[in-house]
N, C-alpha and C. Protein backbone atom coordinates (compact mmCIF):
# COMPACT_ATOMS: atom_id res chain seq x y z
N MET A 1 15.84 -52.25 -40.89
CA MET A 1 16.90 -51.61 -41.71
C MET A 1 18.40 -52.14 -41.16
N ASP A 2 19.08 -52.45 -41.94
CA ASP A 2 20.43 -52.95 -41.63
C ASP A 2 21.40 -51.93 -41.63
N ASN A 3 22.88 -52.09 -41.08
CA ASN A 3 23.59 -51.03 -40.96
C ASN A 3 23.92 -50.35 -42.23
N PHE A 4 23.85 -51.05 -43.34
CA PHE A 4 24.28 -50.31 -44.58
C PHE A 4 23.22 -49.29 -44.97
N GLN A 5 21.87 -49.72 -44.79
CA GLN A 5 20.86 -49.05 -45.20
C GLN A 5 20.80 -47.71 -44.31
N SER A 6 21.21 -48.03 -42.95
CA SER A 6 21.23 -46.85 -41.92
C SER A 6 22.30 -45.94 -42.33
N ILE A 7 23.51 -46.31 -42.74
CA ILE A 7 24.47 -45.12 -42.89
C ILE A 7 24.46 -44.69 -44.30
N THR A 8 23.66 -45.14 -45.11
CA THR A 8 23.60 -44.59 -46.45
C THR A 8 22.09 -43.97 -46.80
N ALA A 9 21.42 -43.95 -45.74
CA ALA A 9 20.12 -43.30 -45.87
C ALA A 9 20.31 -41.75 -46.44
N SER A 10 21.25 -41.18 -46.12
CA SER A 10 21.31 -39.82 -46.55
C SER A 10 22.78 -39.29 -46.49
N PRO A 11 23.24 -38.38 -47.03
CA PRO A 11 24.54 -37.83 -47.00
C PRO A 11 24.87 -37.50 -45.46
N GLU A 12 24.05 -36.80 -44.65
CA GLU A 12 24.34 -36.39 -43.36
C GLU A 12 24.34 -37.84 -42.69
N ALA A 13 23.78 -39.08 -42.92
CA ALA A 13 24.02 -40.16 -42.09
C ALA A 13 25.45 -40.76 -42.31
N LEU A 14 25.75 -40.58 -43.75
CA LEU A 14 27.04 -41.28 -43.87
C LEU A 14 28.17 -40.49 -43.21
N ALA A 15 27.88 -39.10 -43.32
CA ALA A 15 28.89 -38.20 -42.79
C ALA A 15 29.01 -38.36 -41.37
N ALA A 16 27.76 -38.70 -40.66
CA ALA A 16 27.94 -38.71 -39.14
C ALA A 16 28.74 -40.18 -38.93
N PHE A 17 28.67 -41.18 -39.68
CA PHE A 17 29.34 -42.39 -39.59
C PHE A 17 30.85 -42.29 -39.60
N LEU A 18 31.10 -41.60 -40.75
CA LEU A 18 32.57 -41.45 -41.26
C LEU A 18 33.32 -40.48 -40.18
N GLY A 19 32.50 -39.67 -39.61
CA GLY A 19 33.27 -38.65 -38.56
C GLY A 19 33.44 -39.41 -37.40
N SER A 20 32.68 -40.52 -37.35
CA SER A 20 32.91 -41.26 -35.81
C SER A 20 33.74 -42.38 -35.76
N ILE A 21 34.51 -42.41 -37.00
CA ILE A 21 35.71 -43.37 -37.06
C ILE A 21 36.95 -42.78 -36.49
N PRO A 22 37.46 -43.34 -35.46
CA PRO A 22 38.42 -42.63 -34.86
C PRO A 22 40.04 -43.02 -35.74
N ALA A 23 40.30 -42.02 -36.44
CA ALA A 23 41.43 -42.04 -37.22
C ALA A 23 42.02 -40.63 -37.26
N ILE A 24 43.47 -40.72 -37.48
CA ILE A 24 44.26 -39.41 -37.45
C ILE A 24 44.05 -38.71 -38.65
N GLU A 25 44.01 -39.44 -39.87
CA GLU A 25 43.90 -38.66 -41.06
C GLU A 25 42.92 -39.42 -41.92
N MET A 26 41.82 -38.58 -42.38
CA MET A 26 40.89 -39.27 -43.35
C MET A 26 41.12 -38.46 -44.76
N PRO A 27 40.32 -38.99 -45.77
CA PRO A 27 40.32 -38.44 -47.14
C PRO A 27 39.87 -36.98 -47.19
N TRP A 28 38.86 -36.71 -46.24
CA TRP A 28 38.60 -35.36 -46.26
C TRP A 28 39.73 -34.28 -45.63
N ASP A 29 40.63 -34.51 -45.05
CA ASP A 29 41.63 -34.01 -44.49
C ASP A 29 42.44 -33.67 -45.62
N GLU A 30 42.82 -34.56 -46.33
CA GLU A 30 43.76 -34.31 -47.41
C GLU A 30 43.05 -33.28 -48.49
N ALA A 31 41.71 -33.59 -48.90
CA ALA A 31 41.19 -32.57 -49.67
C ALA A 31 40.94 -31.01 -49.07
N PHE A 32 40.89 -30.99 -47.73
CA PHE A 32 40.66 -29.87 -46.96
C PHE A 32 41.82 -29.06 -47.33
N HIS A 33 43.16 -29.91 -46.90
CA HIS A 33 44.52 -29.21 -47.06
C HIS A 33 44.74 -28.66 -48.32
N ARG A 34 44.34 -29.47 -49.43
CA ARG A 34 44.86 -29.16 -50.77
C ARG A 34 43.85 -27.97 -51.23
N LEU A 35 42.60 -27.84 -50.85
CA LEU A 35 41.66 -26.95 -51.45
C LEU A 35 41.71 -25.66 -50.62
N CYS A 36 41.80 -25.87 -49.40
CA CYS A 36 41.66 -24.56 -48.54
C CYS A 36 43.03 -24.11 -47.99
N CYS A 37 43.97 -25.01 -47.49
CA CYS A 37 45.08 -24.39 -46.75
C CYS A 37 46.08 -23.93 -47.85
N SER A 38 46.03 -24.25 -49.08
CA SER A 38 46.86 -23.86 -50.13
C SER A 38 46.83 -22.30 -50.21
N SER A 39 45.73 -21.58 -50.12
CA SER A 39 45.39 -20.31 -50.26
C SER A 39 45.38 -19.41 -49.02
N CYS A 40 45.54 -20.20 -47.87
CA CYS A 40 45.36 -19.41 -46.41
C CYS A 40 46.80 -18.81 -46.17
N SER A 41 46.78 -17.86 -45.45
CA SER A 41 48.02 -17.16 -44.97
C SER A 41 47.99 -17.22 -43.62
N ALA A 42 47.24 -17.97 -42.89
CA ALA A 42 47.21 -18.04 -41.57
C ALA A 42 48.58 -18.40 -41.06
N ALA A 43 49.20 -18.24 -39.93
CA ALA A 43 50.39 -18.76 -39.37
C ALA A 43 50.16 -20.00 -38.29
N ASP A 44 49.00 -19.70 -37.79
CA ASP A 44 48.60 -20.89 -36.62
C ASP A 44 47.31 -21.70 -37.03
N CYS A 45 47.43 -22.89 -37.52
CA CYS A 45 46.30 -23.61 -38.37
C CYS A 45 45.31 -24.22 -36.78
N ASP A 46 45.85 -24.25 -35.71
CA ASP A 46 45.10 -24.95 -34.44
C ASP A 46 43.75 -24.23 -34.38
N ASP A 47 43.73 -23.03 -34.81
CA ASP A 47 42.38 -22.29 -34.53
C ASP A 47 41.70 -21.89 -35.64
N CYS A 48 41.80 -22.83 -36.53
CA CYS A 48 41.15 -22.60 -37.92
C CYS A 48 39.67 -23.05 -37.68
N ARG A 49 38.83 -21.79 -38.08
CA ARG A 49 37.47 -21.87 -37.84
C ARG A 49 36.74 -22.26 -39.31
N ARG A 50 37.26 -22.67 -40.33
CA ARG A 50 36.65 -23.05 -41.45
C ARG A 50 35.71 -24.33 -41.25
N SER A 51 34.65 -24.04 -41.83
CA SER A 51 33.53 -25.16 -41.52
C SER A 51 33.89 -26.42 -42.23
N GLU A 52 34.74 -26.42 -43.28
CA GLU A 52 35.10 -27.61 -43.96
C GLU A 52 36.07 -28.38 -43.35
N ARG A 53 36.62 -27.89 -42.39
CA ARG A 53 37.69 -28.72 -41.63
C ARG A 53 37.18 -29.85 -40.88
N ASP A 54 37.67 -30.94 -41.00
CA ASP A 54 37.19 -32.16 -40.21
C ASP A 54 35.83 -32.47 -40.21
N ASN A 55 35.25 -32.29 -41.71
CA ASN A 55 33.96 -32.19 -42.05
C ASN A 55 33.44 -33.18 -43.13
N PRO A 56 33.21 -34.34 -42.93
CA PRO A 56 33.12 -35.59 -44.03
C PRO A 56 31.97 -34.95 -44.93
N LEU A 57 30.85 -34.33 -44.42
CA LEU A 57 29.69 -33.91 -45.21
C LEU A 57 30.16 -33.01 -46.20
N TRP A 58 31.21 -32.14 -46.01
CA TRP A 58 31.58 -31.13 -46.96
C TRP A 58 32.48 -32.01 -47.98
N TRP A 59 33.28 -32.94 -47.65
CA TRP A 59 34.01 -33.75 -48.54
C TRP A 59 33.11 -34.59 -49.59
N LEU A 60 31.96 -35.26 -48.87
CA LEU A 60 31.09 -35.94 -49.54
C LEU A 60 30.23 -34.99 -50.87
N GLY A 61 30.04 -33.79 -50.44
CA GLY A 61 29.47 -33.07 -51.48
C GLY A 61 30.49 -32.25 -52.77
N LEU A 62 31.86 -32.89 -52.54
CA LEU A 62 32.67 -32.43 -53.44
C LEU A 62 32.40 -33.28 -54.77
N PRO A 63 32.65 -32.61 -56.04
CA PRO A 63 32.74 -33.40 -57.20
C PRO A 63 33.71 -34.31 -57.10
N ALA A 64 33.31 -35.70 -57.68
CA ALA A 64 34.33 -36.68 -57.58
C ALA A 64 35.78 -36.41 -58.23
N ALA A 65 35.54 -35.67 -59.33
CA ALA A 65 36.80 -35.43 -60.10
C ALA A 65 37.89 -34.34 -59.43
N GLU A 66 37.05 -33.49 -58.33
CA GLU A 66 37.75 -32.63 -57.49
C GLU A 66 38.63 -33.43 -56.42
N VAL A 67 37.91 -34.40 -55.85
CA VAL A 67 38.60 -35.10 -54.64
C VAL A 67 39.69 -36.07 -55.34
N GLU A 68 39.62 -36.59 -56.59
CA GLU A 68 40.71 -37.35 -57.41
C GLU A 68 42.01 -36.74 -57.69
N LYS A 69 41.88 -35.43 -57.69
CA LYS A 69 43.11 -34.74 -58.19
C LYS A 69 44.34 -34.87 -57.18
């Protein structure tokens, strides 16, 4: 099995790979902020406990049209 086959074997495998990339901002961060934060009234985001935060698997499960907005 090559690297491509390994990381595309399942959504979970791809999410684990994407989550391991050291970057400040990723596409799922933008989608999370647009879809979740816009309706949140919390004053302090540092303690956000939403499971979608920093979660590429959540982002991979979104309809493509929703992510492209």
